[in-house]
């Protein structure tokens, strides 16, 4: 197994590992890793089939397959890390923390993909995509859809994932568009996104529940959620914290699904505060904070 990573130099005595969400990549963590560079050396990974990482030889895109890849990566580092994950990456990070607690020093989950079976049309940026998923008429609907440009896809992503789309800077939009163009040239890109997404939803319906795994996490945990999250309903935030002992919740007003991109300063402050509190033995579970966006 080989994973592509992006490294942010930092102190030798602390490691932070960052895990992106579905359709994301290591670049999703550039700002937060930079803000935390004085506290920990950062390594943002591309999960198998995403970013610049090749898929596994087995083409295993299940949550368990991705968790195995992350677990192997962490086990090879030789010491516990501060583990941070967003969305699907949060679910994978949670799974690893539950399975191998000795590998995780602290855990930060940003809008983790907790099981949610309630249909929500807000999760689709283009309503026509709902028709494209239906049996029978799906092929006809897909044929009638205009193929978006890379810039269109970047803007769609912002509208779907940000609480305030106007908060997206021009240079980050340009970077996202460039990355979409590069991924379009990879033969496995569409396969990885589609099969990982389907496997994630299937895992909500079958097998061990992610909620049960969350209850086994031992690491001090910070859960961050935007109250304008369209992909993972904010109502899941309280339940997530309630089942994870040693966890605290930070709700960010006006923020969407990718708080580490939309509000990196607030996220970095909260993470650094958790690290300090854990180090000093002052971390208390169950406390909730609301923060204004900086």
Protein backbone atom coordinates (compact mmCIF):
# COMPACT_ATOMS: atom_id res chain seq x y z
CA UNK A 1 0.00 0.00 0.00
CA UNK A 2 1.28 3.46 -0.95
CA UNK A 3 -0.41 6.70 0.07
CA UNK A 4 0.32 10.19 -1.18
CA UNK A 5 0.77 12.70 1.65
CA UNK A 6 1.31 16.44 2.09
CA UNK A 7 3.62 17.35 4.94
CA UNK A 8 3.73 20.51 7.06
CA UNK A 9 6.99 20.74 9.05
CA UNK A 10 6.66 21.23 12.80
CA UNK A 11 8.05 20.13 16.18
CA UNK A 12 9.65 16.71 16.35
CA UNK A 13 7.77 15.65 19.48
CA UNK A 14 4.19 15.90 18.18
CA UNK A 15 2.50 14.52 15.06
CA UNK A 16 -0.88 15.46 13.61
CA UNK A 17 -2.47 13.35 10.87
CA UNK A 18 -5.32 14.82 8.81
CA UNK A 19 -7.94 12.77 6.91
CA UNK A 20 -10.17 14.29 4.23
CA UNK A 21 -13.79 13.52 3.37
CA UNK A 22 -15.53 11.99 0.35
CA UNK A 23 -14.41 13.68 -2.91
CA UNK A 24 -11.76 15.56 -0.92
CA UNK A 25 -8.00 15.29 -0.66
CA UNK A 26 -5.04 16.23 1.51
CA UNK A 27 -5.31 19.83 0.27
CA UNK A 28 -8.49 20.23 2.37
CA UNK A 29 -6.25 20.64 5.43
CA UNK A 30 -3.70 23.13 4.12
CA UNK A 31 -4.85 26.08 6.23
CA UNK A 32 -5.42 24.26 9.52
CA UNK A 33 -2.15 22.33 9.23
CA UNK A 34 -0.36 25.61 8.59
CA UNK A 35 -1.97 27.28 11.61
CA UNK A 36 -1.02 24.35 13.86
CA UNK A 37 2.51 23.95 12.49
CA UNK A 38 4.09 25.47 15.62
CA UNK A 39 2.34 22.82 17.72
CA UNK A 40 2.70 19.64 15.64
CA UNK A 41 4.24 18.35 12.45
CA UNK A 42 1.36 17.74 10.07
CA UNK A 43 0.75 14.92 7.59
CA UNK A 44 -2.39 15.13 5.46
CA UNK A 45 -3.09 11.90 3.60
CA UNK A 46 -4.90 11.10 0.38
CA UNK A 47 -7.08 8.05 1.07
CA UNK A 48 -6.79 5.19 -1.46
CA UNK A 49 -8.25 6.31 -4.80
CA UNK A 50 -8.42 9.98 -3.81
CA UNK A 51 -6.11 12.91 -4.42
CA UNK A 52 -2.92 11.42 -5.83
CA UNK A 53 -3.16 8.05 -4.06
CA UNK A 54 -3.71 4.98 -6.21
CA UNK A 55 -6.56 2.69 -5.16
CA UNK A 56 -5.80 -0.46 -3.23
CA UNK A 57 -4.98 -3.46 -5.40
CA UNK A 58 -8.12 -5.12 -4.03
CA UNK A 59 -10.26 -2.12 -5.09
CA UNK A 60 -11.74 -2.20 -1.58
CA UNK A 61 -13.57 1.11 -1.18
CA UNK A 62 -15.56 0.13 1.90
CA UNK A 63 -15.16 2.13 5.11
CA UNK A 64 -13.37 -0.91 6.56
CA UNK A 65 -10.93 -0.91 3.64
CA UNK A 66 -10.13 2.78 4.06
CA UNK A 67 -9.82 2.32 7.84
CA UNK A 68 -7.35 -0.53 7.31
CA UNK A 69 -5.24 1.69 5.07
CA UNK A 70 -5.20 4.51 7.64
CA UNK A 71 -4.51 2.07 10.47
CA UNK A 72 -1.51 0.60 8.64
CA UNK A 73 -0.20 4.10 7.95
CA UNK A 74 -0.50 5.12 11.62
CA UNK A 75 0.95 1.85 12.93
CA UNK A 76 4.06 2.46 10.86
CA UNK A 77 4.73 5.81 12.52
CA UNK A 78 5.71 4.22 15.82
CA UNK A 79 3.99 6.63 18.21
CA UNK A 80 0.47 7.96 18.84
CA UNK A 81 -0.71 10.97 16.84
CA UNK A 82 -3.25 13.74 17.05
CA UNK A 83 -5.80 12.43 14.53
CA UNK A 84 -8.18 14.80 12.73
CA UNK A 85 -10.88 13.80 10.22
CA UNK A 86 -13.65 15.53 8.30
CA UNK A 87 -16.88 13.92 7.07
CA UNK A 88 -16.10 10.44 5.68
CA UNK A 89 -12.56 10.93 6.95
CA UNK A 90 -14.01 11.59 10.39
CA UNK A 91 -15.83 8.27 10.32
CA UNK A 92 -12.61 6.52 9.28
CA UNK A 93 -10.60 8.28 12.01
CA UNK A 94 -13.25 7.34 14.59
CA UNK A 95 -13.11 3.70 13.47
CA UNK A 96 -9.32 3.59 13.81
CA UNK A 97 -9.47 5.23 17.26
CA UNK A 98 -11.99 2.61 18.39
CA UNK A 99 -9.98 -0.30 17.00
CA UNK A 100 -6.46 0.78 18.00
CA UNK A 101 -6.62 3.29 20.87
CA UNK A 102 -2.85 3.15 21.41
CA UNK A 103 -2.34 4.86 18.02
CA UNK A 104 -4.42 7.96 18.81
CA UNK A 105 -3.30 10.68 21.22
CA UNK A 106 -6.32 12.93 20.63
CA UNK A 107 -9.18 12.84 18.13
CA UNK A 108 -10.82 15.75 16.31
CA UNK A 109 -13.95 15.06 14.26
CA UNK A 110 -15.32 17.77 11.96
CA UNK A 111 -18.87 16.95 10.84
CA UNK A 112 -18.13 13.20 10.87
CA UNK A 113 -20.27 11.04 8.57
CA UNK A 114 -22.38 9.49 11.31
CA UNK A 115 -25.20 7.20 10.12
CA UNK A 116 -28.22 9.22 9.05
CA UNK A 117 -30.98 7.42 7.14
CA UNK A 118 -33.27 10.41 6.80
CA UNK A 119 -33.44 11.63 3.17
CA UNK A 120 -32.37 15.22 2.80
CA UNK A 121 -32.44 16.93 -0.65
CA UNK A 122 -30.03 19.58 0.63
CA UNK A 123 -27.24 17.04 0.26
CA UNK A 124 -27.35 17.38 -3.54
CA UNK A 125 -26.07 20.61 -5.08
CA UNK A 126 -27.95 19.99 -8.36
CA UNK A 127 -31.54 18.65 -7.91
CA UNK A 128 -31.26 16.82 -11.25
CA UNK A 129 -28.72 14.53 -9.59
CA UNK A 130 -31.56 13.04 -7.53
CA UNK A 131 -33.21 11.84 -10.76
CA UNK A 132 -29.88 10.52 -11.98
CA UNK A 133 -29.74 8.14 -9.02
CA UNK A 134 -33.19 6.61 -9.60
CA UNK A 135 -33.53 3.18 -11.26
CA UNK A 136 -34.83 3.19 -14.81
CA UNK A 137 -34.86 6.91 -15.53
CA UNK A 138 -31.41 7.47 -14.04
CA UNK A 139 -29.57 6.76 -17.31
CA UNK A 140 -31.86 9.12 -19.21
CA UNK A 141 -31.39 11.84 -16.59
CA UNK A 142 -27.60 11.51 -16.65
CA UNK A 143 -27.55 11.72 -20.43
CA UNK A 144 -29.42 15.02 -20.33
CA UNK A 145 -27.14 16.65 -17.79
CA UNK A 146 -24.51 19.09 -18.99
CA UNK A 147 -21.00 18.09 -18.00
CA UNK A 148 -19.82 20.86 -15.65
CA UNK A 149 -16.44 22.50 -16.04
CA UNK A 150 -13.88 22.16 -13.28
CA UNK A 151 -14.68 25.70 -12.19
CA UNK A 152 -18.41 24.87 -12.13
CA UNK A 153 -17.69 21.88 -9.91
CA UNK A 154 -15.60 23.98 -7.53
CA UNK A 155 -18.40 26.52 -7.21
CA UNK A 156 -20.99 23.74 -6.71
CA UNK A 157 -18.82 22.27 -3.97
CA UNK A 158 -18.66 25.61 -2.19
CA UNK A 159 -22.43 26.13 -2.42
CA UNK A 160 -23.03 22.69 -0.97
CA UNK A 161 -20.30 22.55 1.68
CA UNK A 162 -19.99 26.14 2.93
CA UNK A 163 -22.43 27.83 5.27
CA UNK A 164 -21.54 31.11 3.57
CA UNK A 165 -20.36 30.52 -0.02
CA UNK A 166 -19.06 34.09 -0.14
CA UNK A 167 -16.42 33.08 2.41
CA UNK A 168 -14.55 31.08 -0.25
CA UNK A 169 -11.47 32.94 -1.43
CA UNK A 170 -10.70 33.22 -5.14
CA UNK A 171 -7.34 31.49 -4.84
CA UNK A 172 -8.88 28.49 -3.05
CA UNK A 173 -11.60 28.22 -5.73
CA UNK A 174 -8.91 28.28 -8.41
CA UNK A 175 -6.93 25.59 -6.58
CA UNK A 176 -10.06 23.41 -6.26
CA UNK A 177 -10.81 23.78 -9.97
CA UNK A 178 -7.23 22.84 -10.84
CA UNK A 179 -7.48 19.76 -8.62
CA UNK A 180 -10.79 18.70 -10.22
CA UNK A 181 -9.12 18.95 -13.64
CA UNK A 182 -6.19 16.82 -12.50
CA UNK A 183 -8.46 14.15 -10.97
CA UNK A 184 -10.51 13.95 -14.17
CA UNK A 185 -7.40 12.57 -15.86
CA UNK A 186 -7.06 9.68 -13.38
CA UNK A 187 -8.73 6.51 -14.60
CA UNK A 188 -9.85 5.44 -11.11
CA UNK A 189 -11.17 8.81 -9.86
CA UNK A 190 -14.87 8.37 -10.67
CA UNK A 191 -14.82 4.74 -9.56
CA UNK A 192 -13.29 5.65 -6.19
CA UNK A 193 -15.81 8.40 -5.47
CA UNK A 194 -18.89 6.45 -6.53
CA UNK A 195 -18.00 3.14 -4.87
CA UNK A 196 -16.80 4.78 -1.66
CA UNK A 197 -20.03 6.78 -1.43
CA UNK A 198 -22.20 3.71 -2.02
CA UNK A 199 -20.21 1.67 0.48
CA UNK A 200 -20.54 4.41 3.10
CA UNK A 201 -24.34 4.50 2.77
CA UNK A 202 -24.48 0.68 2.81
CA UNK A 203 -22.48 0.68 6.05
CA UNK A 204 -25.21 2.82 7.62
CA UNK A 205 -27.68 0.03 6.90
CA UNK A 206 -25.68 -3.16 7.48
CA UNK A 207 -22.99 -4.43 9.82
CA UNK A 208 -21.75 -2.90 13.06
CA UNK A 209 -23.06 0.59 13.61
CA UNK A 210 -20.63 3.48 13.68
CA UNK A 211 -22.50 4.63 16.79
CA UNK A 212 -21.38 1.44 18.57
CA UNK A 213 -17.80 2.09 17.51
CA UNK A 214 -18.03 5.67 18.75
CA UNK A 215 -18.91 4.40 22.22
CA UNK A 216 -15.59 2.50 22.33
CA UNK A 217 -13.36 5.50 21.58
CA UNK A 218 -11.05 6.24 24.49
CA UNK A 219 -9.11 9.21 23.17
CA UNK A 220 -10.00 12.76 24.27
CA UNK A 221 -12.23 13.96 21.44
CA UNK A 222 -13.25 17.35 20.07
CA UNK A 223 -16.35 17.28 17.85
CA UNK A 224 -16.75 20.34 15.60
CA UNK A 225 -19.95 21.04 13.68
CA UNK A 226 -21.23 23.93 11.60
CA UNK A 227 -24.84 24.85 12.29
CA UNK A 228 -25.42 25.33 8.54
CA UNK A 229 -24.11 21.90 7.57
CA UNK A 230 -26.22 20.59 4.66
CA UNK A 231 -24.53 17.20 4.39
CA UNK A 232 -24.42 15.99 8.00
CA UNK A 233 -27.38 17.39 9.94
CA UNK A 234 -26.33 19.51 12.95
CA UNK A 235 -28.85 17.57 15.07
CA UNK A 236 -26.39 14.66 14.92
CA UNK A 237 -23.79 16.67 16.84
CA UNK A 238 -25.34 16.25 20.28
CA UNK A 239 -25.89 12.53 19.79
CA UNK A 240 -22.30 12.08 18.65
CA UNK A 241 -20.96 13.74 21.78
CA UNK A 242 -23.41 11.91 24.03
CA UNK A 243 -22.13 8.47 22.96
CA UNK A 244 -18.42 9.35 23.06
CA UNK A 245 -17.01 9.56 26.54
CA UNK A 246 -14.22 12.09 26.79
CA UNK A 247 -15.71 14.28 24.05
CA UNK A 248 -16.71 17.94 23.82
CA UNK A 249 -18.70 19.79 21.18
CA UNK A 250 -17.91 23.03 19.41
CA UNK A 251 -20.77 24.44 17.28
CA UNK A 252 -19.74 27.08 14.75
CA UNK A 253 -22.57 29.47 13.81
CA UNK A 254 -22.93 30.21 10.11
CA UNK A 255 -20.48 27.47 9.08
CA UNK A 256 -21.16 24.47 6.84
CA UNK A 257 -19.74 20.99 6.34
CA UNK A 258 -16.03 21.73 5.91
CA UNK A 259 -15.23 23.96 8.89
CA UNK A 260 -11.49 23.35 8.47
CA UNK A 261 -11.70 25.12 5.08
CA UNK A 262 -14.40 27.70 5.80
CA UNK A 263 -13.31 28.69 9.33
CA UNK A 264 -9.71 27.44 9.77
CA UNK A 265 -8.79 29.98 12.45
CA UNK A 266 -11.66 28.93 14.74
CA UNK A 267 -10.92 25.25 14.18
CA UNK A 268 -7.18 25.63 14.81
CA UNK A 269 -7.81 27.58 18.03
CA UNK A 270 -10.19 24.92 19.31
CA UNK A 271 -7.83 22.08 18.43
CA UNK A 272 -4.84 23.80 20.06
CA UNK A 273 -6.98 24.47 23.13
CA UNK A 274 -7.88 20.79 23.36
CA UNK A 275 -4.26 19.74 23.05
CA UNK A 276 -3.28 22.14 25.85
CA UNK A 277 -6.14 21.00 28.09
CA UNK A 278 -5.31 17.33 27.58
CA UNK A 279 -1.64 17.94 28.27
CA UNK A 280 -2.50 19.79 31.48
CA UNK A 281 -5.04 17.19 32.58
CA UNK A 282 -7.88 19.71 32.35
CA UNK A 283 -9.93 18.13 29.54
CA UNK A 284 -13.51 17.61 30.69
CA UNK A 285 -16.11 15.79 28.64
CA UNK A 286 -19.59 16.97 27.86
CA UNK A 287 -18.92 20.70 27.67
CA UNK A 288 -20.41 22.57 24.71
CA UNK A 289 -19.08 25.80 23.26
CA UNK A 290 -20.49 28.08 20.59
CA UNK A 291 -18.02 30.24 18.74
CA UNK A 292 -18.44 33.21 16.46
CA UNK A 293 -16.61 32.78 13.20
CA UNK A 294 -13.39 34.70 12.86
